[in-house]
C-alpha atoms as a PDB file:
ATOM      1  CA  MET A   1       0.000   0.000   0.000  1.00  0.00           C
ATOM      2  CA  GLU A   2       2.944   2.315   0.633  1.00  0.00           C
ATOM      3  CA  ASP A   3       3.895   2.151  -3.062  1.00  0.00           C
ATOM      4  CA  ILE A   4       0.345   3.089  -4.017  1.00  0.00           C
ATOM      5  CA  ALA A   5       0.357   6.006  -1.572  1.00  0.00           C
ATOM      6  CA  THR A   6       3.711   7.244  -2.857  1.00  0.00           C
ATOM      7  CA  ARG A   7       2.582   7.041  -6.469  1.00  0.00           C
ATOM      8  CA  CYS A   8      -0.735   8.804  -5.759  1.00  0.00           C
ATOM      9  CA  ILE A   9       1.103  11.577  -3.911  1.00  0.00           C
ATOM     10  CA  GLU A  10       3.533  11.942  -6.831  1.00  0.00           C
ATOM     11  CA  ILE A  11       0.636  12.227  -9.283  1.00  0.00           C
ATOM     12  CA  ILE A  12      -1.075  14.896  -7.163  1.00  0.00           C
ATOM     13  CA  ALA A  13       2.181  16.803  -6.610  1.00  0.00           C
ATOM     14  CA  LYS A  14       2.915  16.842 -10.335  1.00  0.00           C
ATOM     15  CA  SER A  15      -0.654  17.878 -11.196  1.00  0.00           C
ATOM     16  CA  LYS A  16      -0.647  20.781  -8.733  1.00  0.00           C
ATOM     17  CA  SER A  17       3.070  21.682  -9.061  1.00  0.00           C
ATOM     18  CA  ILE A  18       3.647  21.336  -5.335  1.00  0.00           C
ATOM     19  CA  PRO A  19       6.342  19.388  -3.438  1.00  0.00           C
ATOM     20  CA  ALA A  20       5.369  15.756  -2.767  1.00  0.00           C
ATOM     21  CA  ASP A  21       6.661  16.023   0.788  1.00  0.00           C
ATOM     22  CA  SER A  22       4.013  18.659   1.516  1.00  0.00           C
ATOM     23  CA  ILE A  23       1.248  16.105   0.864  1.00  0.00           C
ATOM     24  CA  ALA A  24       0.103  13.644   3.537  1.00  0.00           C
ATOM     25  CA  LEU A  25      -2.522  10.905   3.491  1.00  0.00           C
ATOM     26  CA  ASP A  26      -4.780  13.070   5.648  1.00  0.00           C
ATOM     27  CA  SER A  27      -4.388  16.098   3.347  1.00  0.00           C
ATOM     28  CA  THR A  28      -7.789  17.076   2.031  1.00  0.00           C
ATOM     29  CA  PHE A  29      -8.294  17.976  -1.590  1.00  0.00           C
ATOM     30  CA  GLU A  30      -9.594  21.327  -0.365  1.00  0.00           C
ATOM     31  CA  GLN A  31      -6.312  21.990   1.485  1.00  0.00           C
ATOM     32  CA  LEU A  32      -4.411  21.104  -1.683  1.00  0.00           C
ATOM     33  CA  SER A  33      -6.620  23.424  -3.783  1.00  0.00           C
ATOM     34  CA  ILE A  34      -7.848  20.496  -5.874  1.00  0.00           C
ATOM     35  CA  ASP A  35     -11.098  21.440  -7.600  1.00  0.00           C
ATOM     36  CA  SER A  36     -13.464  19.145  -9.481  1.00  0.00           C
ATOM     37  CA  LEU A  37     -11.578  19.488 -12.764  1.00  0.00           C
ATOM     38  CA  ASP A  38      -8.272  18.724 -11.023  1.00  0.00           C
ATOM     39  CA  LYS A  39      -9.899  15.701  -9.395  1.00  0.00           C
ATOM     40  CA  ILE A  40     -10.980  14.362 -12.798  1.00  0.00           C
ATOM     41  CA  ASN A  41      -7.528  14.910 -14.308  1.00  0.00           C
ATOM     42  CA  ILE A  42      -5.838  13.275 -11.312  1.00  0.00           C
ATOM     43  CA  SER A  43      -8.238  10.335 -11.497  1.00  0.00           C
ATOM     44  CA  PHE A  44      -7.296   9.766 -15.157  1.00  0.00           C
ATOM     45  CA  GLU A  45      -3.617   9.729 -14.177  1.00  0.00           C
ATOM     46  CA  VAL A  46      -4.305   7.314 -11.308  1.00  0.00           C
ATOM     47  CA  GLU A  47      -6.359   5.032 -13.559  1.00  0.00           C
ATOM     48  CA  GLU A  48      -3.525   4.911 -16.069  1.00  0.00           C
ATOM     49  CA  ALA A  49      -0.821   4.398 -13.425  1.00  0.00           C
ATOM     50  CA  PHE A  50      -2.604   1.469 -11.768  1.00  0.00           C
ATOM     51  CA  ALA A  51      -4.544   0.010 -14.725  1.00  0.00           C
ATOM     52  CA  ILE A  52      -7.875   0.469 -12.948  1.00  0.00           C
ATOM     53  CA  GLU A  53     -11.146   2.248 -13.655  1.00  0.00           C
ATOM     54  CA  ILE A  54     -12.521   4.586 -11.011  1.00  0.00           C
ATOM     55  CA  PRO A  55     -16.341   4.667 -11.145  1.00  0.00           C
ATOM     56  CA  ASP A  56     -17.718   8.172 -11.705  1.00  0.00           C
ATOM     57  CA  ASP A  57     -19.879   7.980  -8.577  1.00  0.00           C
ATOM     58  CA  ALA A  58     -16.808   7.111  -6.476  1.00  0.00           C
ATOM     59  CA  LEU A  59     -15.109  10.384  -7.422  1.00  0.00           C
ATOM     60  CA  GLY A  60     -17.591  12.329  -5.315  1.00  0.00           C
ATOM     61  CA  THR A  61     -16.654  10.360  -2.197  1.00  0.00           C
ATOM     62  CA  ILE A  62     -12.921  11.085  -2.445  1.00  0.00           C
ATOM     63  CA  ARG A  63     -12.092  13.916  -0.051  1.00  0.00           C
ATOM     64  CA  THR A  64      -8.521  13.149   1.075  1.00  0.00           C
ATOM     65  CA  VAL A  65      -5.363  11.655  -0.369  1.00  0.00           C
ATOM     66  CA  GLY A  66      -5.967   8.668   1.927  1.00  0.00           C
ATOM     67  CA  ASP A  67      -9.447   8.178   0.423  1.00  0.00           C
ATOM     68  CA  MET A  68      -7.849   7.998  -3.009  1.00  0.00           C
ATOM     69  CA  VAL A  69      -5.185   5.518  -1.870  1.00  0.00           C
ATOM     70  CA  ASN A  70      -7.775   3.293  -0.156  1.00  0.00           C
ATOM     71  CA  GLY A  71      -9.946   3.393  -3.273  1.00  0.00           C
ATOM     72  CA  VAL A  72      -7.043   2.341  -5.480  1.00  0.00           C
ATOM     73  CA  VAL A  73      -6.211  -0.527  -3.099  1.00  0.00           C
ATOM     74  CA  LYS A  74      -9.830  -1.748  -3.156  1.00  0.00           C
ATOM     75  CA  LEU A  75     -10.128  -1.475  -6.942  1.00  0.00           C
ATOM     76  CA  ARG A  76      -6.854  -3.350  -7.460  1.00  0.00           C
ATOM     77  CA  GLN A  77      -7.938  -6.089  -5.031  1.00  0.00           C
ATOM     78  CA  ALA A  78     -11.275  -6.413  -6.836  1.00  0.00           C
ATOM     79  CA  LYS A  79      -9.455  -6.625 -10.182  1.00  0.00           C
ATOM     80  CA  VAL A  80      -7.182  -9.398  -8.902  1.00  0.00           C
ATOM     81  CA  ALA A  81     -10.163 -11.258  -7.432  1.00  0.00           C
ATOM     82  CA  THR A  82     -11.970 -11.272 -10.788  1.00  0.00           C
ATOM     83  CA  SER A  83      -8.893 -12.289 -12.791  1.00  0.00           C
END
């Protein structure tokens, strides 16, 4: 899970042009100035990085970096379970 967290943080840092070490799992998207368009762009990057598909309705429930990481973990586990 640490690799997933690191990669998600890197994606967010790159998207917002902020240092990765300023982002924590409990950082909210609001604190990071991530708006709805940013969230969509970041989700595309995350989908590509982890070969997953984030359901549109799940995007609305993601409020923190930790929420995103947990979602990726669950989606990857579900993908492995169905393979």
